[in-house]
């Protein structure tokens, strides 16, 4: 049974029509598929079918495809890595349906273009980040504000080779939500650095990230 309606498929085809370069969705599952693994795999394939010249899908077994797991630094499943000419470190952990389907399409378009949409001011501030940074945005599929935070985190990953950015769906990884004390979404966690809650506009989001990393030194 198809997950996407014909109307949605037409919209996807239109949205991806001007993608300049093809991308590949690397989907991680396992032989005995985990909760939502099958849906995540089918959804990725249906998106690719809407624009076969723009999007490809490669499916990897999390247990046996050790080389791919290591290459893309996959930590759990279901997982999806959006890869273009470069690997910008854009990852999704959990099914990308609901409001997060928009995050997936945004990531596909951004990776295809290979450039960020940030302002020059925001890009200049990112120069203060000089060490690797792993950003994890915790979301739920019913949160209308979450895709904005995910999009900004993924834009950061495109803007800086030092940054990896993950979307993590709370209901599928409750142990991670408990560990990071997620009581509301979106919550943005900077591994080993700090965290903040809520949706912010671009300039405030970048400022918050940089201030946490530098200890407010700029």
C-alpha atoms as a PDB file:
ATOM      1  CA  UNK A   1       0.000   0.000   0.000  1.00  0.00           C
ATOM      2  CA  UNK A   2       1.369   3.408  -1.037  1.00  0.00           C
ATOM      3  CA  UNK A   3       2.119   5.912   1.711  1.00  0.00           C
ATOM      4  CA  UNK A   4       1.915   8.999  -0.502  1.00  0.00           C
ATOM      5  CA  UNK A   5      -1.223  10.116  -2.323  1.00  0.00           C
ATOM      6  CA  UNK A   6      -1.085  10.946  -6.032  1.00  0.00           C
ATOM      7  CA  UNK A   7      -1.568  14.629  -5.205  1.00  0.00           C
ATOM      8  CA  UNK A   8       1.410  14.619  -2.826  1.00  0.00           C
ATOM      9  CA  UNK A   9       3.519  12.793  -5.410  1.00  0.00           C
ATOM     10  CA  UNK A  10       2.764  15.510  -7.970  1.00  0.00           C
ATOM     11  CA  UNK A  11       3.761  18.185  -5.460  1.00  0.00           C
ATOM     12  CA  UNK A  12       7.031  16.401  -4.739  1.00  0.00           C
ATOM     13  CA  UNK A  13       7.831  16.149  -8.433  1.00  0.00           C
ATOM     14  CA  UNK A  14       7.219  19.888  -8.803  1.00  0.00           C
ATOM     15  CA  UNK A  15       9.292  20.795  -5.738  1.00  0.00           C
ATOM     16  CA  UNK A  16      12.280  18.733  -6.851  1.00  0.00           C
ATOM     17  CA  UNK A  17      12.114  19.644 -10.542  1.00  0.00           C
ATOM     18  CA  UNK A  18      14.760  22.373 -10.278  1.00  0.00           C
ATOM     19  CA  UNK A  19      17.232  20.376  -8.188  1.00  0.00           C
ATOM     20  CA  UNK A  20      20.543  20.946  -9.999  1.00  0.00           C
ATOM     21  CA  UNK A  21      22.305  17.737  -8.927  1.00  0.00           C
ATOM     22  CA  UNK A  22      21.104  14.245  -7.964  1.00  0.00           C
ATOM     23  CA  UNK A  23      21.218  13.056  -4.360  1.00  0.00           C
ATOM     24  CA  UNK A  24      21.047   9.645  -2.723  1.00  0.00           C
ATOM     25  CA  UNK A  25      18.968   8.680   0.284  1.00  0.00           C
ATOM     26  CA  UNK A  26      20.878   6.058   2.241  1.00  0.00           C
ATOM     27  CA  UNK A  27      18.286   4.185   4.292  1.00  0.00           C
ATOM     28  CA  UNK A  28      19.316   2.022   7.230  1.00  0.00           C
ATOM     29  CA  UNK A  29      17.090  -0.811   8.418  1.00  0.00           C
ATOM     30  CA  UNK A  30      17.570  -4.516   9.212  1.00  0.00           C
ATOM     31  CA  UNK A  31      16.349  -7.876   7.975  1.00  0.00           C
ATOM     32  CA  UNK A  32      13.746  -8.134  10.747  1.00  0.00           C
ATOM     33  CA  UNK A  33      12.704  -4.528  10.409  1.00  0.00           C
ATOM     34  CA  UNK A  34      12.485  -2.353  13.495  1.00  0.00           C
ATOM     35  CA  UNK A  35       9.589  -0.176  14.502  1.00  0.00           C
ATOM     36  CA  UNK A  36       8.897   2.193  11.595  1.00  0.00           C
ATOM     37  CA  UNK A  37      11.885   0.891   9.600  1.00  0.00           C
ATOM     38  CA  UNK A  38       9.698  -0.477   6.844  1.00  0.00           C
ATOM     39  CA  UNK A  39       7.691   2.744   6.588  1.00  0.00           C
ATOM     40  CA  UNK A  40      10.864   4.793   6.496  1.00  0.00           C
ATOM     41  CA  UNK A  41      12.248   2.636   3.670  1.00  0.00           C
ATOM     42  CA  UNK A  42       9.014   2.681   1.652  1.00  0.00           C
ATOM     43  CA  UNK A  43       8.632   6.433   2.083  1.00  0.00           C
ATOM     44  CA  UNK A  44      12.148   7.085   0.783  1.00  0.00           C
ATOM     45  CA  UNK A  45      11.515   4.886  -2.252  1.00  0.00           C
ATOM     46  CA  UNK A  46       8.217   6.598  -3.030  1.00  0.00           C
ATOM     47  CA  UNK A  47       9.909  10.014  -2.905  1.00  0.00           C
ATOM     48  CA  UNK A  48      12.591   8.752  -5.286  1.00  0.00           C
ATOM     49  CA  UNK A  49       9.956   7.404  -7.668  1.00  0.00           C
ATOM     50  CA  UNK A  50       8.524  10.916  -7.942  1.00  0.00           C
ATOM     51  CA  UNK A  51      11.810  12.233  -9.344  1.00  0.00           C
ATOM     52  CA  UNK A  52      14.002   9.267 -10.385  1.00  0.00           C
ATOM     53  CA  UNK A  53      16.515  11.517 -12.139  1.00  0.00           C
ATOM     54  CA  UNK A  54      16.896  13.621  -8.983  1.00  0.00           C
ATOM     55  CA  UNK A  55      16.748  11.113  -6.115  1.00  0.00           C
ATOM     56  CA  UNK A  56      18.181   7.618  -5.693  1.00  0.00           C
ATOM     57  CA  UNK A  57      17.781   5.226  -2.761  1.00  0.00           C
ATOM     58  CA  UNK A  58      20.257   2.768  -1.312  1.00  0.00           C
ATOM     59  CA  UNK A  59      19.096   0.458   1.477  1.00  0.00           C
ATOM     60  CA  UNK A  60      21.595  -0.855   4.027  1.00  0.00           C
ATOM     61  CA  UNK A  61      21.232  -3.486   6.721  1.00  0.00           C
ATOM     62  CA  UNK A  62      22.281  -1.916  10.025  1.00  0.00           C
ATOM     63  CA  UNK A  63      23.554  -5.256  11.301  1.00  0.00           C
ATOM     64  CA  UNK A  64      25.501  -6.552   8.304  1.00  0.00           C
ATOM     65  CA  UNK A  65      26.452  -3.435   6.285  1.00  0.00           C
ATOM     66  CA  UNK A  66      29.199  -2.490   8.716  1.00  0.00           C
ATOM     67  CA  UNK A  67      31.186  -0.470   6.182  1.00  0.00           C
ATOM     68  CA  UNK A  68      28.215   1.774   5.321  1.00  0.00           C
ATOM     69  CA  UNK A  69      27.259   2.140   8.989  1.00  0.00           C
ATOM     70  CA  UNK A  70      30.787   3.259   9.825  1.00  0.00           C
ATOM     71  CA  UNK A  71      31.115   5.487   6.762  1.00  0.00           C
ATOM     72  CA  UNK A  72      27.944   7.428   7.517  1.00  0.00           C
ATOM     73  CA  UNK A  73      28.340   7.211  11.313  1.00  0.00           C
ATOM     74  CA  UNK A  74      24.872   5.742  11.815  1.00  0.00           C
ATOM     75  CA  UNK A  75      24.055   5.283  15.499  1.00  0.00           C
ATOM     76  CA  UNK A  76      20.595   3.662  15.473  1.00  0.00           C
ATOM     77  CA  UNK A  77      17.656   2.812  13.194  1.00  0.00           C
ATOM     78  CA  UNK A  78      15.483   3.752  11.451  1.00  0.00           C
ATOM     79  CA  UNK A  79      17.979   6.133   9.940  1.00  0.00           C
ATOM     80  CA  UNK A  80      18.419   8.076   6.737  1.00  0.00           C
ATOM     81  CA  UNK A  81      21.433   9.973   5.401  1.00  0.00           C
ATOM     82  CA  UNK A  82      20.986  12.556   2.633  1.00  0.00           C
ATOM     83  CA  UNK A  83      24.100  12.500   0.461  1.00  0.00           C
ATOM     84  CA  UNK A  84      24.937  14.587  -2.598  1.00  0.00           C
ATOM     85  CA  UNK A  85      28.290  15.302  -4.199  1.00  0.00           C
ATOM     86  CA  UNK A  86      29.440  15.682  -0.596  1.00  0.00           C
ATOM     87  CA  UNK A  87      28.334  14.236   2.705  1.00  0.00           C
ATOM     88  CA  UNK A  88      27.276  17.290   4.689  1.00  0.00           C
ATOM     89  CA  UNK A  89      26.441  15.262   7.788  1.00  0.00           C
ATOM     90  CA  UNK A  90      22.660  15.516   7.431  1.00  0.00           C
ATOM     91  CA  UNK A  91      20.904  12.644   9.201  1.00  0.00           C
ATOM     92  CA  UNK A  92      17.356  11.662  10.127  1.00  0.00           C
ATOM     93  CA  UNK A  93      16.676   9.225  12.953  1.00  0.00           C
ATOM     94  CA  UNK A  94      13.061   8.087  12.906  1.00  0.00           C
ATOM     95  CA  UNK A  95      10.324   8.157  10.325  1.00  0.00           C
ATOM     96  CA  UNK A  96      10.186  11.375   8.293  1.00  0.00           C
ATOM     97  CA  UNK A  97       6.413  11.626   8.076  1.00  0.00           C
ATOM     98  CA  UNK A  98       3.980  14.154   9.535  1.00  0.00           C
ATOM     99  CA  UNK A  99       5.454  17.634   9.774  1.00  0.00           C
ATOM    100  CA  UNK A 100       8.941  16.172   9.353  1.00  0.00           C
ATOM    101  CA  UNK A 101       8.227  15.191   5.771  1.00  0.00           C
ATOM    102  CA  UNK A 102       8.828  18.858   4.960  1.00  0.00           C
ATOM    103  CA  UNK A 103      12.229  18.568   6.665  1.00  0.00           C
ATOM    104  CA  UNK A 104      13.144  15.671   4.403  1.00  0.00           C
ATOM    105  CA  UNK A 105      12.193  17.555   1.240  1.00  0.00           C
ATOM    106  CA  UNK A 106      14.080  20.641   2.446  1.00  0.00           C
ATOM    107  CA  UNK A 107      17.174  18.524   3.073  1.00  0.00           C
ATOM    108  CA  UNK A 108      16.964  16.926  -0.379  1.00  0.00           C
ATOM    109  CA  UNK A 109      16.735  20.337  -2.052  1.00  0.00           C
ATOM    110  CA  UNK A 110      19.507  21.877   0.046  1.00  0.00           C
ATOM    111  CA  UNK A 111      21.953  19.002  -0.470  1.00  0.00           C
ATOM    112  CA  UNK A 112      21.242  19.022  -4.206  1.00  0.00           C
ATOM    113  CA  UNK A 113      22.123  22.724  -4.355  1.00  0.00           C
ATOM    114  CA  UNK A 114      25.121  22.259  -2.087  1.00  0.00           C
ATOM    115  CA  UNK A 115      24.836  25.691  -0.559  1.00  0.00           C
ATOM    116  CA  UNK A 116      23.289  27.275   2.474  1.00  0.00           C
ATOM    117  CA  UNK A 117      20.491  29.818   2.581  1.00  0.00           C
ATOM    118  CA  UNK A 118      22.022  31.684   5.529  1.00  0.00           C
ATOM    119  CA  UNK A 119      22.646  35.406   5.479  1.00  0.00           C
ATOM    120  CA  UNK A 120      26.197  36.747   5.267  1.00  0.00           C
ATOM    121  CA  UNK A 121      25.921  37.833   8.902  1.00  0.00           C
ATOM    122  CA  UNK A 122      25.068  34.317  10.057  1.00  0.00           C
ATOM    123  CA  UNK A 123      27.817  32.778   7.931  1.00  0.00           C
ATOM    124  CA  UNK A 124      30.375  35.169   9.417  1.00  0.00           C
ATOM    125  CA  UNK A 125      29.381  34.149  12.948  1.00  0.00           C
ATOM    126  CA  UNK A 126      29.978  30.494  12.133  1.00  0.00           C
ATOM    127  CA  UNK A 127      33.678  31.269  11.810  1.00  0.00           C
ATOM    128  CA  UNK A 128      33.811  31.093  15.603  1.00  0.00           C
ATOM    129  CA  UNK A 129      33.171  27.334  15.440  1.00  0.00           C
ATOM    130  CA  UNK A 130      36.603  25.760  15.131  1.00  0.00           C
ATOM    131  CA  UNK A 131      36.016  22.229  16.460  1.00  0.00           C
ATOM    132  CA  UNK A 132      33.690  19.416  15.324  1.00  0.00           C
ATOM    133  CA  UNK A 133      30.114  19.927  16.517  1.00  0.00           C
ATOM    134  CA  UNK A 134      27.295  17.379  16.591  1.00  0.00           C
ATOM    135  CA  UNK A 135      23.822  18.951  16.693  1.00  0.00           C
ATOM    136  CA  UNK A 136      20.758  16.858  17.546  1.00  0.00           C
ATOM    137  CA  UNK A 137      17.279  18.328  17.118  1.00  0.00           C
ATOM    138  CA  UNK A 138      14.603  16.399  19.004  1.00  0.00           C
ATOM    139  CA  UNK A 139      11.158  16.541  17.416  1.00  0.00           C
ATOM    140  CA  UNK A 140       7.735  14.948  17.266  1.00  0.00           C
ATOM    141  CA  UNK A 141       5.834  14.332  14.063  1.00  0.00           C
ATOM    142  CA  UNK A 142       2.922  16.477  15.254  1.00  0.00           C
ATOM    143  CA  UNK A 143       5.005  19.564  16.114  1.00  0.00           C
ATOM    144  CA  UNK A 144       4.506  22.383  13.561  1.00  0.00           C
ATOM    145  CA  UNK A 145       7.510  24.342  14.867  1.00  0.00           C
ATOM    146  CA  UNK A 146       9.975  21.453  14.698  1.00  0.00           C
ATOM    147  CA  UNK A 147      10.735  21.461  10.944  1.00  0.00           C
ATOM    148  CA  UNK A 148      12.065  25.004  11.213  1.00  0.00           C
ATOM    149  CA  UNK A 149      14.642  23.978  13.814  1.00  0.00           C
ATOM    150  CA  UNK A 150      15.600  20.883  11.801  1.00  0.00           C
ATOM    151  CA  UNK A 151      16.015  22.944   8.631  1.00  0.00           C
ATOM    152  CA  UNK A 152      18.284  25.458  10.385  1.00  0.00           C
ATOM    153  CA  UNK A 153      20.419  22.705  11.924  1.00  0.00           C
ATOM    154  CA  UNK A 154      20.801  21.062   8.522  1.00  0.00           C
ATOM    155  CA  UNK A 155      21.693  24.426   6.973  1.00  0.00           C
ATOM    156  CA  UNK A 156      24.438  24.740   9.579  1.00  0.00           C
ATOM    157  CA  UNK A 157      25.794  21.370   8.500  1.00  0.00           C
ATOM    158  CA  UNK A 158      25.902  22.536   4.893  1.00  0.00           C
ATOM    159  CA  UNK A 159      27.528  25.824   5.878  1.00  0.00           C
ATOM    160  CA  UNK A 160      30.304  24.271   7.995  1.00  0.00           C
ATOM    161  CA  UNK A 161      32.290  21.065   7.375  1.00  0.00           C
ATOM    162  CA  UNK A 162      32.745  20.833  11.149  1.00  0.00           C
ATOM    163  CA  UNK A 163      29.034  20.319  11.847  1.00  0.00           C
ATOM    164  CA  UNK A 164      26.853  17.211  11.698  1.00  0.00           C
ATOM    165  CA  UNK A 165      23.122  17.703  12.265  1.00  0.00           C
ATOM    166  CA  UNK A 166      20.558  15.045  13.172  1.00  0.00           C
ATOM    167  CA  UNK A 167      16.796  15.013  13.449  1.00  0.00           C
ATOM    168  CA  UNK A 168      15.706  12.625  16.220  1.00  0.00           C
ATOM    169  CA  UNK A 169      12.045  11.691  16.613  1.00  0.00           C
ATOM    170  CA  UNK A 170      11.256  11.460  20.332  1.00  0.00           C
ATOM    171  CA  UNK A 171       8.658   8.670  20.359  1.00  0.00           C
ATOM    172  CA  UNK A 172      10.991   6.312  18.494  1.00  0.00           C
ATOM    173  CA  UNK A 173      14.013   7.025  20.687  1.00  0.00           C
ATOM    174  CA  UNK A 174      12.562   7.723  24.162  1.00  0.00           C
ATOM    175  CA  UNK A 175      15.800   6.658  25.884  1.00  0.00           C
ATOM    176  CA  UNK A 176      17.643   9.447  24.064  1.00  0.00           C
ATOM    177  CA  UNK A 177      14.942  11.955  24.987  1.00  0.00           C
ATOM    178  CA  UNK A 178      15.215  10.936  28.639  1.00  0.00           C
ATOM    179  CA  UNK A 179      18.996  11.176  28.566  1.00  0.00           C
ATOM    180  CA  UNK A 180      18.857  14.678  27.083  1.00  0.00           C
ATOM    181  CA  UNK A 181      15.992  15.746  29.377  1.00  0.00           C
ATOM    182  CA  UNK A 182      13.645  16.564  26.528  1.00  0.00           C
ATOM    183  CA  UNK A 183      10.430  17.916  28.053  1.00  0.00           C
ATOM    184  CA  UNK A 184       9.289  19.888  25.017  1.00  0.00           C
ATOM    185  CA  UNK A 185      10.067  20.110  21.322  1.00  0.00           C
ATOM    186  CA  UNK A 186      11.881  21.249  19.366  1.00  0.00           C
ATOM    187  CA  UNK A 187      14.919  20.851  21.601  1.00  0.00           C
ATOM    188  CA  UNK A 188      18.351  21.411  20.113  1.00  0.00           C
ATOM    189  CA  UNK A 189      21.215  19.584  21.781  1.00  0.00           C
ATOM    190  CA  UNK A 190      24.875  20.328  21.096  1.00  0.00           C
ATOM    191  CA  UNK A 191      26.700  17.147  22.088  1.00  0.00           C
ATOM    192  CA  UNK A 192      29.059  17.848  24.982  1.00  0.00           C
ATOM    193  CA  UNK A 193      28.265  21.564  24.926  1.00  0.00           C
ATOM    194  CA  UNK A 194      24.702  22.447  25.934  1.00  0.00           C
ATOM    195  CA  UNK A 195      21.146  22.716  24.694  1.00  0.00           C
ATOM    196  CA  UNK A 196      18.175  25.014  24.229  1.00  0.00           C
ATOM    197  CA  UNK A 197      14.468  24.596  23.647  1.00  0.00           C
ATOM    198  CA  UNK A 198      12.031  26.196  21.268  1.00  0.00           C
ATOM    199  CA  UNK A 199      11.885  27.461  17.703  1.00  0.00           C
ATOM    200  CA  UNK A 200      14.034  30.464  16.821  1.00  0.00           C
ATOM    201  CA  UNK A 201      14.529  32.574  13.688  1.00  0.00           C
ATOM    202  CA  UNK A 202      17.767  32.105  11.763  1.00  0.00           C
ATOM    203  CA  UNK A 203      19.810  34.882  13.371  1.00  0.00           C
ATOM    204  CA  UNK A 204      18.814  33.925  16.924  1.00  0.00           C
ATOM    205  CA  UNK A 205      19.355  30.211  16.221  1.00  0.00           C
ATOM    206  CA  UNK A 206      22.883  30.794  14.913  1.00  0.00           C
ATOM    207  CA  UNK A 207      23.678  33.195  17.777  1.00  0.00           C
ATOM    208  CA  UNK A 208      22.505  30.634  20.319  1.00  0.00           C
ATOM    209  CA  UNK A 209      24.634  27.889  18.762  1.00  0.00           C
ATOM    210  CA  UNK A 210      27.752  30.053  18.568  1.00  0.00           C
ATOM    211  CA  UNK A 211      27.325  31.441  22.088  1.00  0.00           C
ATOM    212  CA  UNK A 212      26.993  27.954  23.543  1.00  0.00           C
ATOM    213  CA  UNK A 213      30.079  26.768  21.674  1.00  0.00           C
ATOM    214  CA  UNK A 214      32.205  29.779  22.623  1.00  0.00           C
ATOM    215  CA  UNK A 215      30.796  30.276  26.106  1.00  0.00           C
ATOM    216  CA  UNK A 216      29.422  33.640  25.052  1.00  0.00           C
ATOM    217  CA  UNK A 217      32.891  34.869  24.159  1.00  0.00           C
ATOM    218  CA  UNK A 218      31.732  36.684  21.023  1.00  0.00           C
END
